[in-house]
Amino acid sequence: MFCTANQRTAIDYKDGTFDSLGNPDGMCIDQEGKIWVACYGAGKIIRFDTETGSLSFFWCLVNVH
């Protein structure tokens, strides 16, 4: 679970999320306020909309380590 400065939940990794998205291994917030998460084990970088908590974009990487 990731929380924003105003102490509300922005993203909630629910049961089964790790199977499809992998384990969060780093994150940053862009200038639009969206959260980008590097996903270990899934070869993805994903972007969440902090207003809705929904997945708004993902980028699959070629090499998964």
PDB file of N, CA and C in Angstrom:
ATOM      1  N   MET A   1       0.843  -1.163   0.000  1.00  0.00           N
ATOM      2  CA  MET A   1       0.000   0.000   0.000  1.00  0.00           C
ATOM      3  C   MET A   1       0.893   1.233   0.000  1.00  0.00           C
ATOM      4  N   PHE A   2       0.608   2.176  -0.858  1.00  0.00           N
ATOM      5  CA  PHE A   2       1.352   3.421  -0.927  1.00  0.00           C
ATOM      6  C   PHE A   2       0.432   4.559  -0.502  1.00  0.00           C
ATOM      7  N   CYS A   3       0.915   5.416   0.370  1.00  0.00           N
ATOM      8  CA  CYS A   3       0.114   6.547   0.845  1.00  0.00           C
ATOM      9  C   CYS A   3       0.742   7.854   0.381  1.00  0.00           C
ATOM     10  N   THR A   4      -0.094   8.835   0.169  1.00  0.00           N
ATOM     11  CA  THR A   4       0.387  10.152  -0.222  1.00  0.00           C
ATOM     12  C   THR A   4       0.587  11.004   1.025  1.00  0.00           C
ATOM     13  N   ALA A   5       1.097  12.207   0.851  1.00  0.00           N
ATOM     14  CA  ALA A   5       1.408  13.091   1.979  1.00  0.00           C
ATOM     15  C   ALA A   5       0.189  13.415   2.832  1.00  0.00           C
ATOM     16  N   ASN A   6      -0.981  13.416   2.230  1.00  0.00           N
ATOM     17  CA  ASN A   6      -2.174  13.717   3.013  1.00  0.00           C
ATOM     18  C   ASN A   6      -2.786  12.471   3.651  1.00  0.00           C
ATOM     19  N   GLN A   7      -2.001  11.399   3.720  1.00  0.00           N
ATOM     20  CA  GLN A   7      -2.340  10.165   4.429  1.00  0.00           C
ATOM     21  C   GLN A   7      -3.562   9.426   3.882  1.00  0.00           C
ATOM     22  N   ARG A   8      -3.768   9.481   2.582  1.00  0.00           N
ATOM     23  CA  ARG A   8      -4.809   8.652   1.981  1.00  0.00           C
ATOM     24  C   ARG A   8      -4.133   7.573   1.140  1.00  0.00           C
ATOM     25  N   THR A   9      -4.771   6.454   0.990  1.00  0.00           N
ATOM     26  CA  THR A   9      -4.218   5.369   0.194  1.00  0.00           C
ATOM     27  C   THR A   9      -4.350   5.714  -1.275  1.00  0.00           C
ATOM     28  N   ALA A  10      -3.229   5.722  -1.985  1.00  0.00           N
ATOM     29  CA  ALA A  10      -3.233   6.035  -3.406  1.00  0.00           C
ATOM     30  C   ALA A  10      -3.289   4.759  -4.247  1.00  0.00           C
ATOM     31  N   ILE A  11      -2.600   3.713  -3.796  1.00  0.00           N
ATOM     32  CA  ILE A  11      -2.560   2.428  -4.496  1.00  0.00           C
ATOM     33  C   ILE A  11      -2.652   1.324  -3.461  1.00  0.00           C
ATOM     34  N   ASP A  12      -3.451   0.320  -3.739  1.00  0.00           N
ATOM     35  CA  ASP A  12      -3.579  -0.816  -2.827  1.00  0.00           C
ATOM     36  C   ASP A  12      -3.314  -2.098  -3.603  1.00  0.00           C
ATOM     37  N   TYR A  13      -2.218  -2.769  -3.299  1.00  0.00           N
ATOM     38  CA  TYR A  13      -1.913  -4.060  -3.910  1.00  0.00           C
ATOM     39  C   TYR A  13      -2.784  -5.106  -3.223  1.00  0.00           C
ATOM     40  N   LYS A  14      -3.798  -5.570  -3.911  1.00  0.00           N
ATOM     41  CA  LYS A  14      -4.732  -6.547  -3.353  1.00  0.00           C
ATOM     42  C   LYS A  14      -4.239  -7.964  -3.619  1.00  0.00           C
ATOM     43  N   ASP A  15      -4.923  -8.963  -3.046  1.00  0.00           N
ATOM     44  CA  ASP A  15      -4.590 -10.363  -3.296  1.00  0.00           C
ATOM     45  C   ASP A  15      -4.601 -10.640  -4.792  1.00  0.00           C
ATOM     46  N   GLY A  16      -3.584 -11.322  -5.273  1.00  0.00           N
ATOM     47  CA  GLY A  16      -3.472 -11.650  -6.686  1.00  0.00           C
ATOM     48  C   GLY A  16      -2.752 -10.609  -7.509  1.00  0.00           C
ATOM     49  N   THR A  17      -2.557  -9.420  -6.956  1.00  0.00           N
ATOM     50  CA  THR A  17      -1.889  -8.343  -7.695  1.00  0.00           C
ATOM     51  C   THR A  17      -0.435  -8.693  -7.970  1.00  0.00           C
ATOM     52  N   PHE A  18       0.246  -9.311  -7.015  1.00  0.00           N
ATOM     53  CA  PHE A  18       1.659  -9.648  -7.185  1.00  0.00           C
ATOM     54  C   PHE A  18       1.856 -10.640  -8.321  1.00  0.00           C
ATOM     55  N   ASP A  19       0.875 -11.531  -8.537  1.00  0.00           N
ATOM     56  CA  ASP A  19       0.979 -12.500  -9.621  1.00  0.00           C
ATOM     57  C   ASP A  19       0.991 -11.820 -10.985  1.00  0.00           C
ATOM     58  N   SER A  20       0.210 -10.773 -11.147  1.00  0.00           N
ATOM     59  CA  SER A  20       0.125 -10.120 -12.452  1.00  0.00           C
ATOM     60  C   SER A  20       1.076  -8.931 -12.602  1.00  0.00           C
ATOM     61  N   LEU A  21       1.353  -8.213 -11.514  1.00  0.00           N
ATOM     62  CA  LEU A  21       2.181  -7.015 -11.602  1.00  0.00           C
ATOM     63  C   LEU A  21       3.586  -7.173 -11.052  1.00  0.00           C
ATOM     64  N   GLY A  22       3.854  -8.229 -10.325  1.00  0.00           N
ATOM     65  CA  GLY A  22       5.160  -8.406  -9.712  1.00  0.00           C
ATOM     66  C   GLY A  22       5.272  -7.642  -8.396  1.00  0.00           C
ATOM     67  N   ASN A  23       6.465  -7.639  -7.825  1.00  0.00           N
ATOM     68  CA  ASN A  23       6.700  -6.966  -6.549  1.00  0.00           C
ATOM     69  C   ASN A  23       7.210  -5.554  -6.781  1.00  0.00           C
ATOM     70  N   PRO A  24       6.616  -4.572  -6.097  1.00  0.00           N
ATOM     71  CA  PRO A  24       7.097  -3.199  -6.254  1.00  0.00           C
ATOM     72  C   PRO A  24       8.540  -3.087  -5.787  1.00  0.00           C
ATOM     73  N   ASP A  25       9.396  -2.461  -6.602  1.00  0.00           N
ATOM     74  CA  ASP A  25      10.822  -2.416  -6.296  1.00  0.00           C
ATOM     75  C   ASP A  25      11.392  -0.998  -6.397  1.00  0.00           C
ATOM     76  N   GLY A  26      10.548  -0.024  -6.458  1.00  0.00           N
ATOM     77  CA  GLY A  26      10.962   1.366  -6.547  1.00  0.00           C
ATOM     78  C   GLY A  26       9.847   2.170  -7.184  1.00  0.00           C
ATOM     79  N   MET A  27       9.758   3.419  -6.790  1.00  0.00           N
ATOM     80  CA  MET A  27       8.700   4.233  -7.377  1.00  0.00           C
ATOM     81  C   MET A  27       9.095   5.697  -7.383  1.00  0.00           C
ATOM     82  N   CYS A  28       8.392   6.463  -8.205  1.00  0.00           N
ATOM     83  CA  CYS A  28       8.558   7.911  -8.241  1.00  0.00           C
ATOM     84  C   CYS A  28       7.229   8.530  -8.658  1.00  0.00           C
ATOM     85  N   ILE A  29       7.124   9.826  -8.440  1.00  0.00           N
ATOM     86  CA  ILE A  29       5.921  10.553  -8.808  1.00  0.00           C
ATOM     87  C   ILE A  29       6.303  11.555  -9.893  1.00  0.00           C
ATOM     88  N   ASP A  30       5.561  11.560 -10.997  1.00  0.00           N
ATOM     89  CA  ASP A  30       5.882  12.473 -12.093  1.00  0.00           C
ATOM     90  C   ASP A  30       5.234  13.838 -11.876  1.00  0.00           C
ATOM     91  N   GLN A  31       5.458  14.756 -12.816  1.00  0.00           N
ATOM     92  CA  GLN A  31       4.967  16.125 -12.669  1.00  0.00           C
ATOM     93  C   GLN A  31       3.445  16.224 -12.733  1.00  0.00           C
ATOM     94  N   GLU A  32       2.774  15.166 -13.217  1.00  0.00           N
ATOM     95  CA  GLU A  32       1.311  15.134 -13.236  1.00  0.00           C
ATOM     96  C   GLU A  32       0.732  14.538 -11.954  1.00  0.00           C
ATOM     97  N   GLY A  33       1.617  14.091 -11.044  1.00  0.00           N
ATOM     98  CA  GLY A  33       1.171  13.495  -9.796  1.00  0.00           C
ATOM     99  C   GLY A  33       0.855  12.014  -9.904  1.00  0.00           C
ATOM    100  N   LYS A  34       1.228  11.391 -11.007  1.00  0.00           N
ATOM    101  CA  LYS A  34       1.013   9.953 -11.200  1.00  0.00           C
ATOM    102  C   LYS A  34       2.180   9.185 -10.588  1.00  0.00           C
ATOM    103  N   ILE A  35       1.905   7.991 -10.087  1.00  0.00           N
ATOM    104  CA  ILE A  35       2.933   7.156  -9.459  1.00  0.00           C
ATOM    105  C   ILE A  35       3.408   6.098 -10.449  1.00  0.00           C
ATOM    106  N   TRP A  36       4.718   6.048 -10.675  1.00  0.00           N
ATOM    107  CA  TRP A  36       5.362   5.033 -11.512  1.00  0.00           C
ATOM    108  C   TRP A  36       6.034   4.026 -10.592  1.00  0.00           C
ATOM    109  N   VAL A  37       5.813   2.739 -10.863  1.00  0.00           N
ATOM    110  CA  VAL A  37       6.363   1.679 -10.023  1.00  0.00           C
ATOM    111  C   VAL A  37       7.131   0.692 -10.897  1.00  0.00           C
ATOM    112  N   ALA A  38       8.387   0.406 -10.512  1.00  0.00           N
ATOM    113  CA  ALA A  38       9.172  -0.647 -11.150  1.00  0.00           C
ATOM    114  C   ALA A  38       8.776  -1.961 -10.490  1.00  0.00           C
ATOM    115  N   CYS A  39       8.445  -2.966 -11.294  1.00  0.00           N
ATOM    116  CA  CYS A  39       7.924  -4.236 -10.760  1.00  0.00           C
ATOM    117  C   CYS A  39       8.927  -5.364 -10.962  1.00  0.00           C
ATOM    118  N   TYR A  40       9.539  -5.784  -9.881  1.00  0.00           N
ATOM    119  CA  TYR A  40      10.514  -6.879  -9.905  1.00  0.00           C
ATOM    120  C   TYR A  40       9.792  -8.198 -10.147  1.00  0.00           C
ATOM    121  N   GLY A  41      10.342  -9.011 -11.026  1.00  0.00           N
ATOM    122  CA  GLY A  41       9.792 -10.337 -11.287  1.00  0.00           C
ATOM    123  C   GLY A  41       8.750 -10.367 -12.387  1.00  0.00           C
ATOM    124  N   ALA A  42       8.284  -9.203 -12.825  1.00  0.00           N
ATOM    125  CA  ALA A  42       7.267  -9.158 -13.877  1.00  0.00           C
ATOM    126  C   ALA A  42       7.778  -8.454 -15.127  1.00  0.00           C
ATOM    127  N   GLY A  43       8.896  -7.755 -15.013  1.00  0.00           N
ATOM    128  CA  GLY A  43       9.446  -7.046 -16.157  1.00  0.00           C
ATOM    129  C   GLY A  43       8.557  -5.911 -16.632  1.00  0.00           C
ATOM    130  N   LYS A  44       7.975  -5.179 -15.685  1.00  0.00           N
ATOM    131  CA  LYS A  44       7.066  -4.091 -16.049  1.00  0.00           C
ATOM    132  C   LYS A  44       7.397  -2.826 -15.275  1.00  0.00           C
ATOM    133  N   ILE A  45       7.088  -1.724 -15.902  1.00  0.00           N
ATOM    134  CA  ILE A  45       7.038  -0.436 -15.219  1.00  0.00           C
ATOM    135  C   ILE A  45       5.600   0.028 -15.382  1.00  0.00           C
ATOM    136  N   ILE A  46       4.944   0.325 -14.284  1.00  0.00           N
ATOM    137  CA  ILE A  46       3.525   0.664 -14.350  1.00  0.00           C
ATOM    138  C   ILE A  46       3.271   2.061 -13.797  1.00  0.00           C
ATOM    139  N   ARG A  47       2.216   2.670 -14.283  1.00  0.00           N
ATOM    140  CA  ARG A  47       1.840   4.018 -13.841  1.00  0.00           C
ATOM    141  C   ARG A  47       0.416   3.969 -13.293  1.00  0.00           C
ATOM    142  N   PHE A  48       0.253   4.503 -12.105  1.00  0.00           N
ATOM    143  CA  PHE A  48      -1.061   4.559 -11.474  1.00  0.00           C
ATOM    144  C   PHE A  48      -1.566   5.992 -11.422  1.00  0.00           C
ATOM    145  N   ASP A  49      -2.860   6.153 -11.631  1.00  0.00           N
ATOM    146  CA  ASP A  49      -3.519   7.436 -11.446  1.00  0.00           C
ATOM    147  C   ASP A  49      -3.801   7.573  -9.952  1.00  0.00           C
ATOM    148  N   THR A  50      -3.260   8.583  -9.317  1.00  0.00           N
ATOM    149  CA  THR A  50      -3.401   8.736  -7.866  1.00  0.00           C
ATOM    150  C   THR A  50      -4.796   9.193  -7.450  1.00  0.00           C
ATOM    151  N   GLU A  51      -5.547   9.758  -8.381  1.00  0.00           N
ATOM    152  CA  GLU A  51      -6.914  10.181  -8.050  1.00  0.00           C
ATOM    153  C   GLU A  51      -7.865   8.995  -7.976  1.00  0.00           C
ATOM    154  N   THR A  52      -7.707   8.058  -8.904  1.00  0.00           N
ATOM    155  CA  THR A  52      -8.624   6.919  -8.975  1.00  0.00           C
ATOM    156  C   THR A  52      -8.022   5.630  -8.414  1.00  0.00           C
ATOM    157  N   GLY A  53      -6.686   5.579  -8.312  1.00  0.00           N
ATOM    158  CA  GLY A  53      -6.009   4.363  -7.867  1.00  0.00           C
ATOM    159  C   GLY A  53      -5.910   3.304  -8.951  1.00  0.00           C
ATOM    160  N   SER A  54      -6.325   3.645 -10.161  1.00  0.00           N
ATOM    161  CA  SER A  54      -6.329   2.663 -11.242  1.00  0.00           C
ATOM    162  C   SER A  54      -5.019   2.684 -12.028  1.00  0.00           C
ATOM    163  N   LEU A  55      -4.731   1.550 -12.637  1.00  0.00           N
ATOM    164  CA  LEU A  55      -3.568   1.410 -13.502  1.00  0.00           C
ATOM    165  C   LEU A  55      -3.845   2.187 -14.783  1.00  0.00           C
ATOM    166  N   SER A  56      -2.995   3.157 -15.102  1.00  0.00           N
ATOM    167  CA  SER A  56      -3.259   3.987 -16.275  1.00  0.00           C
ATOM    168  C   SER A  56      -2.321   3.695 -17.446  1.00  0.00           C
ATOM    169  N   PHE A  57      -1.200   3.011 -17.190  1.00  0.00           N
ATOM    170  CA  PHE A  57      -0.238   2.722 -18.251  1.00  0.00           C
ATOM    171  C   PHE A  57       0.732   1.670 -17.743  1.00  0.00           C
ATOM    172  N   PHE A  58       1.195   0.790 -18.621  1.00  0.00           N
ATOM    173  CA  PHE A  58       2.299  -0.093 -18.251  1.00  0.00           C
ATOM    174  C   PHE A  58       3.201  -0.307 -19.441  1.00  0.00           C
ATOM    175  N   TRP A  59       4.446  -0.558 -19.123  1.00  0.00           N
ATOM    176  CA  TRP A  59       5.476  -0.757 -20.122  1.00  0.00           C
ATOM    177  C   TRP A  59       6.164  -2.075 -19.805  1.00  0.00           C
ATOM    178  N   CYS A  60       6.108  -3.024 -20.729  1.00  0.00           N
ATOM    179  CA  CYS A  60       6.751  -4.326 -20.545  1.00  0.00           C
ATOM    180  C   CYS A  60       8.190  -4.253 -21.031  1.00  0.00           C
ATOM    181  N   LEU A  61       9.087  -4.776 -20.232  1.00  0.00           N
ATOM    182  CA  LEU A  61      10.508  -4.798 -20.575  1.00  0.00           C
ATOM    183  C   LEU A  61      10.844  -6.132 -21.221  1.00  0.00           C
ATOM    184  N   VAL A  62      11.832  -6.125 -22.074  1.00  0.00           N
ATOM    185  CA  VAL A  62      12.204  -7.337 -22.811  1.00  0.00           C
ATOM    186  C   VAL A  62      12.885  -8.357 -21.907  1.00  0.00           C
ATOM    187  N   ASN A  63      13.857  -7.936 -21.126  1.00  0.00           N
ATOM    188  CA  ASN A  63      14.616  -8.853 -20.275  1.00  0.00           C
ATOM    189  C   ASN A  63      14.078  -8.815 -18.848  1.00  0.00           C
ATOM    190  N   VAL A  64      13.631  -9.968 -18.376  1.00  0.00           N
ATOM    191  CA  VAL A  64      13.146 -10.068 -17.000  1.00  0.00           C
ATOM    192  C   VAL A  64      14.209 -10.774 -16.180  1.00  0.00           C
ATOM    193  N   HIS A  65      14.645 -10.131 -15.094  1.00  0.00           N
ATOM    194  CA  HIS A  65      15.672 -10.731 -14.232  1.00  0.00           C
ATOM    195  C   HIS A  65      15.080 -11.144 -12.922  1.00  0.00           C
TER     196      HIS A  65
END
